[in-house]
């Protein structure tokens, strides 16, 4: 994550005030920084003043970025914190993808393959990972972004934290081979200083263009490098299935499977502490299951729309009647 600048302090303070009550902020300070705002720092009243003064205390110890990370971890769906994250270039995951990354997708095997390709090499250099699945299918698009988030700390060796800079997206279609290649070439100076993760959206690229692009990148960055340059390429399933020249790609990942047990676990997680009855949770699981499992694959977006609706209802602390109305509507969508 880019370092928070002094001219961004006020925006951070306002985002924190919007996300936490004073009591909640005191709990955050105690659990994340081992400090009592009242007893240790004599910060007692005036919400904005307390937040601002504590930010100053944290900044003097060089941990203001850690304060934001701790706050964002507790309130990942808060719109103000999300807006601030976008403002400073901190990559975020949309609500649907965040929920899916916890349990719904079985990404463990995919992540393991990528880790082996990245960590199983003595010399630093170019690594090209292909992820198969059409961009138009939300199931594959969300999985790609979830896996990308899991790879960020692996690439940057940051022990779970986001990298210092966001990944660099290339032209979505990779139609202009020379232009796309030049953007990769310009990373040479950056690679000499740190690891680089490049997100390449190429689901609409022709197979021969994509092969030519990867071949040209391989030629440009042949041999050991000071740091890893990792291209995570989202390709159409048909292109991934096409024969690739030997040694051109390090890993080719098939679209992930969707597990029923994980779906039910997800419902348990998001409903925790919401006061849902067991009957309501069971009905909700059945409604989502009806939408999700059409020949073992989610039905063209309806399932993810339902998950988004569920997340929004939970955010609004909707009552049981509103949730049952949502379930009924989902079943109507399935029937139609």
C-alpha atoms as a PDB file:
ATOM      1  CA  UNK A   1       0.000   0.000   0.000  1.00  0.00           C
ATOM      2  CA  UNK A   2       1.329   3.477  -0.846  1.00  0.00           C
ATOM      3  CA  UNK A   3       2.410   5.453   2.221  1.00  0.00           C
ATOM      4  CA  UNK A   4      -0.311   7.780   3.491  1.00  0.00           C
ATOM      5  CA  UNK A   5       0.750  11.378   2.851  1.00  0.00           C
ATOM      6  CA  UNK A   6       0.283  14.334   5.201  1.00  0.00           C
ATOM      7  CA  UNK A   7      -2.282  15.934   2.872  1.00  0.00           C
ATOM      8  CA  UNK A   8      -4.408  12.777   3.201  1.00  0.00           C
ATOM      9  CA  UNK A   9      -4.560  12.779   7.012  1.00  0.00           C
ATOM     10  CA  UNK A  10      -7.810  14.719   7.255  1.00  0.00           C
ATOM     11  CA  UNK A  11      -9.534  12.400   4.771  1.00  0.00           C
ATOM     12  CA  UNK A  12      -8.348   9.426   6.796  1.00  0.00           C
ATOM     13  CA  UNK A  13      -9.637  10.985  10.007  1.00  0.00           C
ATOM     14  CA  UNK A  14     -13.054  11.608   8.434  1.00  0.00           C
ATOM     15  CA  UNK A  15     -13.196   8.042   7.110  1.00  0.00           C
ATOM     16  CA  UNK A  16     -12.382   6.651  10.545  1.00  0.00           C
ATOM     17  CA  UNK A  17     -15.028   8.846  12.199  1.00  0.00           C
ATOM     18  CA  UNK A  18     -17.586   7.595   9.686  1.00  0.00           C
ATOM     19  CA  UNK A  19     -16.648   3.962  10.305  1.00  0.00           C
ATOM     20  CA  UNK A  20     -16.348   3.857  14.112  1.00  0.00           C
ATOM     21  CA  UNK A  21     -18.068   5.212  17.169  1.00  0.00           C
ATOM     22  CA  UNK A  22     -15.749   6.650  19.797  1.00  0.00           C
ATOM     23  CA  UNK A  23     -16.123   3.515  21.932  1.00  0.00           C
ATOM     24  CA  UNK A  24     -15.422   1.247  18.953  1.00  0.00           C
ATOM     25  CA  UNK A  25     -12.336   3.301  18.130  1.00  0.00           C
ATOM     26  CA  UNK A  26     -11.104   2.930  21.702  1.00  0.00           C
ATOM     27  CA  UNK A  27     -11.463  -0.837  21.353  1.00  0.00           C
ATOM     28  CA  UNK A  28      -9.552  -0.738  18.069  1.00  0.00           C
ATOM     29  CA  UNK A  29      -6.696   1.180  19.712  1.00  0.00           C
ATOM     30  CA  UNK A  30      -6.563  -1.247  22.612  1.00  0.00           C
ATOM     31  CA  UNK A  31      -6.631  -4.449  20.573  1.00  0.00           C
ATOM     32  CA  UNK A  32      -4.432  -3.344  17.655  1.00  0.00           C
ATOM     33  CA  UNK A  33      -1.973  -0.991  19.393  1.00  0.00           C
ATOM     34  CA  UNK A  34      -2.103  -2.122  23.033  1.00  0.00           C
ATOM     35  CA  UNK A  35      -2.919   1.391  24.240  1.00  0.00           C
ATOM     36  CA  UNK A  36      -5.810   2.811  26.278  1.00  0.00           C
ATOM     37  CA  UNK A  37      -6.873   6.159  24.846  1.00  0.00           C
ATOM     38  CA  UNK A  38      -8.077   7.520  28.174  1.00  0.00           C
ATOM     39  CA  UNK A  39      -5.647   6.068  30.685  1.00  0.00           C
ATOM     40  CA  UNK A  40      -2.466   6.034  28.602  1.00  0.00           C
ATOM     41  CA  UNK A  41      -2.951   9.053  26.303  1.00  0.00           C
ATOM     42  CA  UNK A  42      -5.540  11.127  28.209  1.00  0.00           C
ATOM     43  CA  UNK A  43      -7.790  11.259  25.115  1.00  0.00           C
ATOM     44  CA  UNK A  44     -11.326  11.362  26.457  1.00  0.00           C
ATOM     45  CA  UNK A  45     -13.782  13.622  24.628  1.00  0.00           C
ATOM     46  CA  UNK A  46     -14.459  15.254  21.298  1.00  0.00           C
ATOM     47  CA  UNK A  47     -14.701  12.460  18.738  1.00  0.00           C
ATOM     48  CA  UNK A  48     -12.826  14.150  15.907  1.00  0.00           C
ATOM     49  CA  UNK A  49     -10.207  15.466  18.328  1.00  0.00           C
ATOM     50  CA  UNK A  50      -9.627  12.033  19.836  1.00  0.00           C
ATOM     51  CA  UNK A  51      -9.313  10.437  16.412  1.00  0.00           C
ATOM     52  CA  UNK A  52      -6.944  13.162  15.181  1.00  0.00           C
ATOM     53  CA  UNK A  53      -4.745  13.103  18.264  1.00  0.00           C
ATOM     54  CA  UNK A  54      -4.474   9.335  18.207  1.00  0.00           C
ATOM     55  CA  UNK A  55      -3.501   9.470  14.522  1.00  0.00           C
ATOM     56  CA  UNK A  56      -0.709  11.855  15.533  1.00  0.00           C
ATOM     57  CA  UNK A  57       0.420   9.481  18.266  1.00  0.00           C
ATOM     58  CA  UNK A  58       0.475   6.600  15.793  1.00  0.00           C
ATOM     59  CA  UNK A  59       2.236   8.639  13.106  1.00  0.00           C
ATOM     60  CA  UNK A  60       5.071   9.581  15.456  1.00  0.00           C
ATOM     61  CA  UNK A  61       5.735   5.859  15.752  1.00  0.00           C
ATOM     62  CA  UNK A  62       5.608   5.389  11.994  1.00  0.00           C
ATOM     63  CA  UNK A  63       2.505   3.192  11.986  1.00  0.00           C
ATOM     64  CA  UNK A  64      -0.228   5.298  10.370  1.00  0.00           C
ATOM     65  CA  UNK A  65      -0.514   2.810   7.513  1.00  0.00           C
ATOM     66  CA  UNK A  66      -1.007   0.088  10.128  1.00  0.00           C
ATOM     67  CA  UNK A  67      -3.842   2.096  11.686  1.00  0.00           C
ATOM     68  CA  UNK A  68      -5.654   2.253   8.370  1.00  0.00           C
ATOM     69  CA  UNK A  69      -5.080  -1.454   7.740  1.00  0.00           C
ATOM     70  CA  UNK A  70      -6.390  -2.363  11.192  1.00  0.00           C
ATOM     71  CA  UNK A  71      -9.471  -0.183  10.686  1.00  0.00           C
ATOM     72  CA  UNK A  72     -10.113  -1.497   7.171  1.00  0.00           C
ATOM     73  CA  UNK A  73      -9.816  -5.079   8.378  1.00  0.00           C
ATOM     74  CA  UNK A  74     -12.568  -4.421  10.912  1.00  0.00           C
ATOM     75  CA  UNK A  75     -14.826  -2.451   8.555  1.00  0.00           C
ATOM     76  CA  UNK A  76     -14.066  -3.755   5.040  1.00  0.00           C
ATOM     77  CA  UNK A  77     -17.545  -2.866   3.765  1.00  0.00           C
ATOM     78  CA  UNK A  78     -17.581   0.710   5.063  1.00  0.00           C
ATOM     79  CA  UNK A  79     -18.044   3.020   2.085  1.00  0.00           C
ATOM     80  CA  UNK A  80     -15.887   5.837   3.508  1.00  0.00           C
ATOM     81  CA  UNK A  81     -12.969   3.513   4.205  1.00  0.00           C
ATOM     82  CA  UNK A  82     -13.370   1.926   0.777  1.00  0.00           C
ATOM     83  CA  UNK A  83     -13.337   5.382  -0.838  1.00  0.00           C
ATOM     84  CA  UNK A  84     -10.198   6.334   1.090  1.00  0.00           C
ATOM     85  CA  UNK A  85      -8.556   3.056   0.095  1.00  0.00           C
ATOM     86  CA  UNK A  86      -9.280   3.810  -3.564  1.00  0.00           C
ATOM     87  CA  UNK A  87      -7.985   7.377  -3.097  1.00  0.00           C
ATOM     88  CA  UNK A  88      -4.572   6.182  -1.899  1.00  0.00           C
ATOM     89  CA  UNK A  89      -4.328   3.386  -4.456  1.00  0.00           C
ATOM     90  CA  UNK A  90      -4.986   0.542  -2.071  1.00  0.00           C
ATOM     91  CA  UNK A  91      -6.574  -2.268  -4.108  1.00  0.00           C
ATOM     92  CA  UNK A  92      -9.825  -3.517  -2.596  1.00  0.00           C
ATOM     93  CA  UNK A  93     -12.147  -6.400  -3.223  1.00  0.00           C
ATOM     94  CA  UNK A  94     -15.814  -5.834  -3.958  1.00  0.00           C
ATOM     95  CA  UNK A  95     -18.267  -7.159  -1.394  1.00  0.00           C
ATOM     96  CA  UNK A  96     -19.233 -10.206  -3.428  1.00  0.00           C
ATOM     97  CA  UNK A  97     -15.616 -11.160  -4.057  1.00  0.00           C
ATOM     98  CA  UNK A  98     -14.694 -10.636  -0.411  1.00  0.00           C
ATOM     99  CA  UNK A  99     -17.425 -13.010   0.701  1.00  0.00           C
ATOM    100  CA  UNK A 100     -16.523 -15.557  -1.943  1.00  0.00           C
ATOM    101  CA  UNK A 101     -12.827 -15.401  -1.128  1.00  0.00           C
ATOM    102  CA  UNK A 102     -13.581 -16.594   2.397  1.00  0.00           C
ATOM    103  CA  UNK A 103     -15.341 -19.814   1.631  1.00  0.00           C
ATOM    104  CA  UNK A 104     -17.373 -20.256  -1.507  1.00  0.00           C
ATOM    105  CA  UNK A 105     -14.549 -20.864  -3.962  1.00  0.00           C
ATOM    106  CA  UNK A 106     -12.209 -23.783  -3.541  1.00  0.00           C
ATOM    107  CA  UNK A 107      -9.049 -21.886  -4.496  1.00  0.00           C
ATOM    108  CA  UNK A 108      -6.588 -23.819  -2.340  1.00  0.00           C
ATOM    109  CA  UNK A 109      -5.282 -25.970  -5.201  1.00  0.00           C
ATOM    110  CA  UNK A 110      -4.925 -22.949  -7.489  1.00  0.00           C
ATOM    111  CA  UNK A 111      -3.079 -20.979  -4.855  1.00  0.00           C
ATOM    112  CA  UNK A 112      -0.731 -23.908  -4.171  1.00  0.00           C
ATOM    113  CA  UNK A 113       0.192 -24.206  -7.869  1.00  0.00           C
ATOM    114  CA  UNK A 114       0.972 -20.489  -8.026  1.00  0.00           C
ATOM    115  CA  UNK A 115       3.010 -20.601  -4.820  1.00  0.00           C
ATOM    116  CA  UNK A 116       5.118 -23.449  -6.195  1.00  0.00           C
ATOM    117  CA  UNK A 117       5.795 -21.495  -9.382  1.00  0.00           C
ATOM    118  CA  UNK A 118       6.810 -18.402  -7.386  1.00  0.00           C
ATOM    119  CA  UNK A 119       8.642 -19.918  -4.426  1.00  0.00           C
ATOM    120  CA  UNK A 120      10.066 -23.022  -6.067  1.00  0.00           C
ATOM    121  CA  UNK A 121      12.691 -21.123  -8.060  1.00  0.00           C
ATOM    122  CA  UNK A 122      16.214 -20.206  -6.989  1.00  0.00           C
ATOM    123  CA  UNK A 123      16.653 -17.350  -9.470  1.00  0.00           C
ATOM    124  CA  UNK A 124      14.324 -14.364  -9.644  1.00  0.00           C
ATOM    125  CA  UNK A 125      12.747 -13.787 -13.021  1.00  0.00           C
ATOM    126  CA  UNK A 126       9.626 -13.738 -15.168  1.00  0.00           C
ATOM    127  CA  UNK A 127       6.683 -15.917 -14.138  1.00  0.00           C
ATOM    128  CA  UNK A 128       3.547 -16.207 -16.302  1.00  0.00           C
ATOM    129  CA  UNK A 129       0.389 -17.641 -14.749  1.00  0.00           C
ATOM    130  CA  UNK A 130      -2.729 -18.243 -16.862  1.00  0.00           C
ATOM    131  CA  UNK A 131      -6.220 -18.300 -15.390  1.00  0.00           C
ATOM    132  CA  UNK A 132      -8.863 -19.787 -17.687  1.00  0.00           C
ATOM    133  CA  UNK A 133     -12.445 -18.544 -17.769  1.00  0.00           C
ATOM    134  CA  UNK A 134     -14.502 -16.092 -19.793  1.00  0.00           C
ATOM    135  CA  UNK A 135     -14.770 -12.591 -18.324  1.00  0.00           C
ATOM    136  CA  UNK A 136     -18.515 -12.488 -19.068  1.00  0.00           C
ATOM    137  CA  UNK A 137     -19.160 -15.178 -16.463  1.00  0.00           C
ATOM    138  CA  UNK A 138     -19.190 -13.612 -13.019  1.00  0.00           C
ATOM    139  CA  UNK A 139     -18.242 -16.935 -11.471  1.00  0.00           C
ATOM    140  CA  UNK A 140     -14.862 -16.873 -13.222  1.00  0.00           C
ATOM    141  CA  UNK A 141     -14.319 -13.114 -12.982  1.00  0.00           C
ATOM    142  CA  UNK A 142     -14.835 -13.060  -9.216  1.00  0.00           C
ATOM    143  CA  UNK A 143     -12.612 -16.108  -8.755  1.00  0.00           C
ATOM    144  CA  UNK A 144      -9.831 -14.443 -10.766  1.00  0.00           C
ATOM    145  CA  UNK A 145      -9.936 -11.354  -8.545  1.00  0.00           C
ATOM    146  CA  UNK A 146     -10.094 -13.437  -5.372  1.00  0.00           C
ATOM    147  CA  UNK A 147      -7.042 -15.425  -6.415  1.00  0.00           C
ATOM    148  CA  UNK A 148      -5.244 -12.233  -7.398  1.00  0.00           C
ATOM    149  CA  UNK A 149      -5.727 -10.908  -3.865  1.00  0.00           C
ATOM    150  CA  UNK A 150      -4.331 -14.143  -2.437  1.00  0.00           C
ATOM    151  CA  UNK A 151      -1.252 -13.889  -4.671  1.00  0.00           C
ATOM    152  CA  UNK A 152      -0.395 -10.304  -3.776  1.00  0.00           C
ATOM    153  CA  UNK A 153       1.342 -11.100  -0.464  1.00  0.00           C
ATOM    154  CA  UNK A 154       3.002 -14.140  -2.081  1.00  0.00           C
ATOM    155  CA  UNK A 155       4.509 -12.034  -4.863  1.00  0.00           C
ATOM    156  CA  UNK A 156       5.550  -9.155  -2.638  1.00  0.00           C
ATOM    157  CA  UNK A 157       6.752 -11.296   0.297  1.00  0.00           C
ATOM    158  CA  UNK A 158       4.761  -9.136   2.701  1.00  0.00           C
ATOM    159  CA  UNK A 159       3.468 -11.735   5.178  1.00  0.00           C
ATOM    160  CA  UNK A 160      -0.188 -11.080   4.452  1.00  0.00           C
ATOM    161  CA  UNK A 161      -0.114  -7.332   3.815  1.00  0.00           C
ATOM    162  CA  UNK A 162      -0.934  -5.649   0.523  1.00  0.00           C
ATOM    163  CA  UNK A 163       2.030  -4.653  -1.664  1.00  0.00           C
ATOM    164  CA  UNK A 164       3.457  -1.161  -1.658  1.00  0.00           C
ATOM    165  CA  UNK A 165       1.977  -0.411  -5.086  1.00  0.00           C
ATOM    166  CA  UNK A 166      -1.049  -1.764  -6.878  1.00  0.00           C
ATOM    167  CA  UNK A 167      -0.670  -4.117  -9.826  1.00  0.00           C
ATOM    168  CA  UNK A 168      -0.465  -2.575 -13.282  1.00  0.00           C
ATOM    169  CA  UNK A 169      -3.318  -3.559 -15.617  1.00  0.00           C
ATOM    170  CA  UNK A 170      -2.569  -3.836 -19.321  1.00  0.00           C
ATOM    171  CA  UNK A 171      -4.908  -3.265 -22.246  1.00  0.00           C
ATOM    172  CA  UNK A 172      -7.947  -5.480 -21.651  1.00  0.00           C
ATOM    173  CA  UNK A 173      -7.987  -6.884 -25.178  1.00  0.00           C
ATOM    174  CA  UNK A 174      -4.230  -7.055 -25.810  1.00  0.00           C
ATOM    175  CA  UNK A 175      -5.117  -6.120 -29.396  1.00  0.00           C
ATOM    176  CA  UNK A 176      -2.213  -3.724 -29.895  1.00  0.00           C
ATOM    177  CA  UNK A 177       0.708  -6.060 -29.363  1.00  0.00           C
ATOM    178  CA  UNK A 178       3.426  -3.400 -29.557  1.00  0.00           C
ATOM    179  CA  UNK A 179       1.655  -1.019 -27.160  1.00  0.00           C
ATOM    180  CA  UNK A 180       1.012  -3.751 -24.585  1.00  0.00           C
ATOM    181  CA  UNK A 181       4.577  -5.014 -24.849  1.00  0.00           C
ATOM    182  CA  UNK A 182       5.955  -1.500 -24.383  1.00  0.00           C
ATOM    183  CA  UNK A 183       4.001  -1.153 -21.136  1.00  0.00           C
ATOM    184  CA  UNK A 184       5.676  -4.281 -19.837  1.00  0.00           C
ATOM    185  CA  UNK A 185       9.090  -3.100 -21.010  1.00  0.00           C
ATOM    186  CA  UNK A 186       8.681   0.095 -19.003  1.00  0.00           C
ATOM    187  CA  UNK A 187       8.574  -2.049 -15.853  1.00  0.00           C
ATOM    188  CA  UNK A 188      12.264  -2.917 -16.174  1.00  0.00           C
ATOM    189  CA  UNK A 189      13.429  -0.161 -13.814  1.00  0.00           C
ATOM    190  CA  UNK A 190      10.752  -1.090 -11.265  1.00  0.00           C
ATOM    191  CA  UNK A 191      11.705  -4.771 -11.397  1.00  0.00           C
ATOM    192  CA  UNK A 192      15.286  -3.778 -10.608  1.00  0.00           C
ATOM    193  CA  UNK A 193      13.998  -2.374  -7.281  1.00  0.00           C
ATOM    194  CA  UNK A 194      11.137  -4.659  -6.203  1.00  0.00           C
ATOM    195  CA  UNK A 195       8.839  -7.519  -7.188  1.00  0.00           C
ATOM    196  CA  UNK A 196       6.072  -6.596  -9.626  1.00  0.00           C
ATOM    197  CA  UNK A 197       2.644  -8.179 -10.109  1.00  0.00           C
ATOM    198  CA  UNK A 198       0.943  -7.377 -13.428  1.00  0.00           C
ATOM    199  CA  UNK A 199      -2.748  -8.059 -13.961  1.00  0.00           C
ATOM    200  CA  UNK A 200      -3.463  -8.851 -17.630  1.00  0.00           C
ATOM    201  CA  UNK A 201      -7.100  -9.049 -18.737  1.00  0.00           C
ATOM    202  CA  UNK A 202      -7.009 -10.931 -22.026  1.00  0.00           C
ATOM    203  CA  UNK A 203     -10.274 -12.874 -22.227  1.00  0.00           C
ATOM    204  CA  UNK A 204     -11.113 -11.225 -25.554  1.00  0.00           C
ATOM    205  CA  UNK A 205      -7.647 -11.567 -27.095  1.00  0.00           C
ATOM    206  CA  UNK A 206      -7.142 -13.904 -30.035  1.00  0.00           C
ATOM    207  CA  UNK A 207      -5.151 -17.012 -29.258  1.00  0.00           C
ATOM    208  CA  UNK A 208      -2.342 -16.214 -31.725  1.00  0.00           C
ATOM    209  CA  UNK A 209      -2.087 -12.623 -30.432  1.00  0.00           C
ATOM    210  CA  UNK A 210      -1.887 -13.833 -26.854  1.00  0.00           C
ATOM    211  CA  UNK A 211       0.846 -16.349 -27.687  1.00  0.00           C
ATOM    212  CA  UNK A 212       2.769 -13.670 -29.569  1.00  0.00           C
ATOM    213  CA  UNK A 213       2.456 -11.281 -26.617  1.00  0.00           C
ATOM    214  CA  UNK A 214       3.684 -13.833 -24.064  1.00  0.00           C
ATOM    215  CA  UNK A 215       6.510 -14.908 -26.396  1.00  0.00           C
ATOM    216  CA  UNK A 216       7.650 -11.292 -26.791  1.00  0.00           C
ATOM    217  CA  UNK A 217       7.583 -10.742 -23.016  1.00  0.00           C
ATOM    218  CA  UNK A 218       9.618 -13.919 -22.502  1.00  0.00           C
ATOM    219  CA  UNK A 219      12.203 -12.670 -24.975  1.00  0.00           C
ATOM    220  CA  UNK A 220      12.358  -9.205 -23.397  1.00  0.00           C
ATOM    221  CA  UNK A 221      12.853 -10.549 -19.849  1.00  0.00           C
ATOM    222  CA  UNK A 222      14.941 -13.629 -20.575  1.00  0.00           C
ATOM    223  CA  UNK A 223      17.339 -14.773 -17.890  1.00  0.00           C
ATOM    224  CA  UNK A 224      17.516 -13.973 -14.154  1.00  0.00           C
ATOM    225  CA  UNK A 225      16.168 -10.641 -12.873  1.00  0.00           C
ATOM    226  CA  UNK A 226      16.805  -8.715  -9.681  1.00  0.00           C
ATOM    227  CA  UNK A 227      13.205  -9.393  -8.599  1.00  0.00           C
ATOM    228  CA  UNK A 228      10.224 -11.399  -9.812  1.00  0.00           C
ATOM    229  CA  UNK A 229       8.028 -10.055 -12.600  1.00  0.00           C
ATOM    230  CA  UNK A 230       4.734 -11.958 -12.357  1.00  0.00           C
ATOM    231  CA  UNK A 231       2.111 -11.736 -15.099  1.00  0.00           C
ATOM    232  CA  UNK A 232      -1.274 -13.051 -13.935  1.00  0.00           C
ATOM    233  CA  UNK A 233      -3.218 -13.420 -17.183  1.00  0.00           C
ATOM    234  CA  UNK A 234      -6.978 -13.943 -17.382  1.00  0.00           C
ATOM    235  CA  UNK A 235      -7.648 -15.748 -20.682  1.00  0.00           C
ATOM    236  CA  UNK A 236     -10.709 -17.260 -22.321  1.00  0.00           C
ATOM    237  CA  UNK A 237     -11.179 -20.939 -21.581  1.00  0.00           C
ATOM    238  CA  UNK A 238     -10.773 -21.799 -25.275  1.00  0.00           C
ATOM    239  CA  UNK A 239      -7.379 -20.060 -25.403  1.00  0.00           C
ATOM    240  CA  UNK A 240      -6.137 -21.823 -22.295  1.00  0.00           C
ATOM    241  CA  UNK A 241      -7.094 -25.145 -23.858  1.00  0.00           C
ATOM    242  CA  UNK A 242      -5.129 -24.362 -27.037  1.00  0.00           C
ATOM    243  CA  UNK A 243      -1.643 -25.880 -27.355  1.00  0.00           C
ATOM    244  CA  UNK A 244       1.009 -23.543 -25.934  1.00  0.00           C
ATOM    245  CA  UNK A 245       4.708 -23.814 -26.857  1.00  0.00           C
ATOM    246  CA  UNK A 246       6.682 -25.671 -24.198  1.00  0.00           C
ATOM    247  CA  UNK A 247       8.049 -23.470 -21.437  1.00  0.00           C
ATOM    248  CA  UNK A 248       6.069 -20.395 -22.423  1.00  0.00           C
ATOM    249  CA  UNK A 249       3.693 -20.506 -19.441  1.00  0.00           C
ATOM    250  CA  UNK A 250       4.607 -21.489 -15.873  1.00  0.00           C
ATOM    251  CA  UNK A 251       1.104 -22.371 -14.657  1.00  0.00           C
ATOM    252  CA  UNK A 252      -2.257 -22.811 -16.388  1.00  0.00           C
ATOM    253  CA  UNK A 253      -5.210 -22.790 -13.978  1.00  0.00           C
ATOM    254  CA  UNK A 254      -8.636 -24.204 -14.820  1.00  0.00           C
ATOM    255  CA  UNK A 255     -11.766 -22.446 -13.498  1.00  0.00           C
ATOM    256  CA  UNK A 256     -12.310 -23.422  -9.845  1.00  0.00           C
ATOM    257  CA  UNK A 257     -15.011 -25.744  -8.594  1.00  0.00           C
ATOM    258  CA  UNK A 258     -17.911 -24.575  -6.459  1.00  0.00           C
ATOM    259  CA  UNK A 259     -18.579 -26.542  -3.270  1.00  0.00           C
ATOM    260  CA  UNK A 260     -22.005 -26.893  -1.655  1.00  0.00           C
ATOM    261  CA  UNK A 261     -20.527 -27.285   1.807  1.00  0.00           C
ATOM    262  CA  UNK A 262     -18.639 -24.012   1.396  1.00  0.00           C
ATOM    263  CA  UNK A 263     -21.831 -22.220   0.390  1.00  0.00           C
ATOM    264  CA  UNK A 264     -23.546 -23.355   3.560  1.00  0.00           C
ATOM    265  CA  UNK A 265     -20.525 -22.359   5.620  1.00  0.00           C
ATOM    266  CA  UNK A 266     -20.706 -18.907   4.016  1.00  0.00           C
ATOM    267  CA  UNK A 267     -24.317 -18.493   5.169  1.00  0.00           C
ATOM    268  CA  UNK A 268     -23.283 -19.420   8.703  1.00  0.00           C
ATOM    269  CA  UNK A 269     -20.493 -16.845   8.643  1.00  0.00           C
ATOM    270  CA  UNK A 270     -22.435 -13.898   7.277  1.00  0.00           C
ATOM    271  CA  UNK A 271     -25.405 -14.584   9.541  1.00  0.00           C
ATOM    272  CA  UNK A 272     -23.304 -14.856  12.701  1.00  0.00           C
ATOM    273  CA  UNK A 273     -24.614 -12.476  15.355  1.00  0.00           C
ATOM    274  CA  UNK A 274     -27.476 -11.266  13.143  1.00  0.00           C
ATOM    275  CA  UNK A 275     -30.200 -12.953  15.177  1.00  0.00           C
ATOM    276  CA  UNK A 276     -31.285 -15.279  12.380  1.00  0.00           C
ATOM    277  CA  UNK A 277     -33.352 -18.273  13.418  1.00  0.00           C
ATOM    278  CA  UNK A 278     -32.158 -21.719  12.345  1.00  0.00           C
ATOM    279  CA  UNK A 279     -35.243 -22.028  10.135  1.00  0.00           C
ATOM    280  CA  UNK A 280     -34.405 -18.756   8.381  1.00  0.00           C
ATOM    281  CA  UNK A 281     -30.795 -19.803   7.800  1.00  0.00           C
ATOM    282  CA  UNK A 282     -31.936 -23.148   6.403  1.00  0.00           C
ATOM    283  CA  UNK A 283     -34.375 -21.467   4.020  1.00  0.00           C
ATOM    284  CA  UNK A 284     -31.700 -19.032   2.909  1.00  0.00           C
ATOM    285  CA  UNK A 285     -29.231 -21.855   2.213  1.00  0.00           C
ATOM    286  CA  UNK A 286     -31.862 -23.669   0.156  1.00  0.00           C
ATOM    287  CA  UNK A 287     -32.716 -20.548  -1.835  1.00  0.00           C
ATOM    288  CA  UNK A 288     -29.077 -19.854  -2.693  1.00  0.00           C
ATOM    289  CA  UNK A 289     -28.475 -23.511  -3.459  1.00  0.00           C
ATOM    290  CA  UNK A 290     -31.389 -23.519  -5.901  1.00  0.00           C
ATOM    291  CA  UNK A 291     -29.804 -20.580  -7.707  1.00  0.00           C
ATOM    292  CA  UNK A 292     -26.237 -21.811  -7.545  1.00  0.00           C
ATOM    293  CA  UNK A 293     -26.399 -25.402  -8.665  1.00  0.00           C
ATOM    294  CA  UNK A 294     -27.451 -25.662 -12.258  1.00  0.00           C
ATOM    295  CA  UNK A 295     -25.477 -28.593 -13.635  1.00  0.00           C
ATOM    296  CA  UNK A 296     -22.887 -27.921 -10.891  1.00  0.00           C
ATOM    297  CA  UNK A 297     -22.274 -24.322 -12.011  1.00  0.00           C
ATOM    298  CA  UNK A 298     -23.920 -21.066 -10.847  1.00  0.00           C
ATOM    299  CA  UNK A 299     -26.664 -19.776 -13.096  1.00  0.00           C
ATOM    300  CA  UNK A 300     -25.308 -16.833 -15.164  1.00  0.00           C
ATOM    301  CA  UNK A 301     -25.101 -14.126 -12.535  1.00  0.00           C
ATOM    302  CA  UNK A 302     -28.329 -14.745 -10.615  1.00  0.00           C
ATOM    303  CA  UNK A 303     -26.525 -16.383  -7.732  1.00  0.00           C
ATOM    304  CA  UNK A 304     -24.078 -13.508  -7.304  1.00  0.00           C
ATOM    305  CA  UNK A 305     -26.885 -10.972  -7.503  1.00  0.00           C
ATOM    306  CA  UNK A 306     -28.530 -12.885  -4.670  1.00  0.00           C
ATOM    307  CA  UNK A 307     -25.335 -12.829  -2.610  1.00  0.00           C
ATOM    308  CA  UNK A 308     -24.974  -9.082  -3.195  1.00  0.00           C
ATOM    309  CA  UNK A 309     -28.577  -8.577  -2.064  1.00  0.00           C
ATOM    310  CA  UNK A 310     -27.949 -10.674   1.028  1.00  0.00           C
ATOM    311  CA  UNK A 311     -24.856  -8.687   1.951  1.00  0.00           C
ATOM    312  CA  UNK A 312     -26.760  -5.427   1.529  1.00  0.00           C
ATOM    313  CA  UNK A 313     -29.624  -6.663   3.723  1.00  0.00           C
ATOM    314  CA  UNK A 314     -27.155  -7.693   6.413  1.00  0.00           C
ATOM    315  CA  UNK A 315     -25.454  -4.304   6.188  1.00  0.00           C
ATOM    316  CA  UNK A 316     -28.830  -2.658   6.716  1.00  0.00           C
ATOM    317  CA  UNK A 317     -29.616  -4.992   9.653  1.00  0.00           C
ATOM    318  CA  UNK A 318     -32.818  -5.985   7.877  1.00  0.00           C
ATOM    319  CA  UNK A 319     -35.509  -7.744   9.876  1.00  0.00           C
ATOM    320  CA  UNK A 320     -36.635 -11.314   9.269  1.00  0.00           C
ATOM    321  CA  UNK A 321     -39.553 -10.243   7.075  1.00  0.00           C
ATOM    322  CA  UNK A 322     -37.221  -8.427   4.669  1.00  0.00           C
ATOM    323  CA  UNK A 323     -34.895 -11.413   4.508  1.00  0.00           C
ATOM    324  CA  UNK A 324     -37.753 -13.808   3.829  1.00  0.00           C
ATOM    325  CA  UNK A 325     -38.943 -11.480   1.058  1.00  0.00           C
ATOM    326  CA  UNK A 326     -35.460 -11.714  -0.436  1.00  0.00           C
ATOM    327  CA  UNK A 327     -35.582 -15.512  -0.294  1.00  0.00           C
ATOM    328  CA  UNK A 328     -38.991 -15.545  -1.975  1.00  0.00           C
ATOM    329  CA  UNK A 329     -37.736 -13.229  -4.726  1.00  0.00           C
ATOM    330  CA  UNK A 330     -34.684 -15.417  -5.343  1.00  0.00           C
ATOM    331  CA  UNK A 331     -36.863 -18.486  -5.692  1.00  0.00           C
ATOM    332  CA  UNK A 332     -39.083 -16.566  -8.145  1.00  0.00           C
ATOM    333  CA  UNK A 333     -36.024 -15.720 -10.234  1.00  0.00           C
ATOM    334  CA  UNK A 334     -35.049 -19.388 -10.263  1.00  0.00           C
ATOM    335  CA  UNK A 335     -38.542 -20.497 -11.286  1.00  0.00           C
ATOM    336  CA  UNK A 336     -38.601 -18.050 -14.185  1.00  0.00           C
END
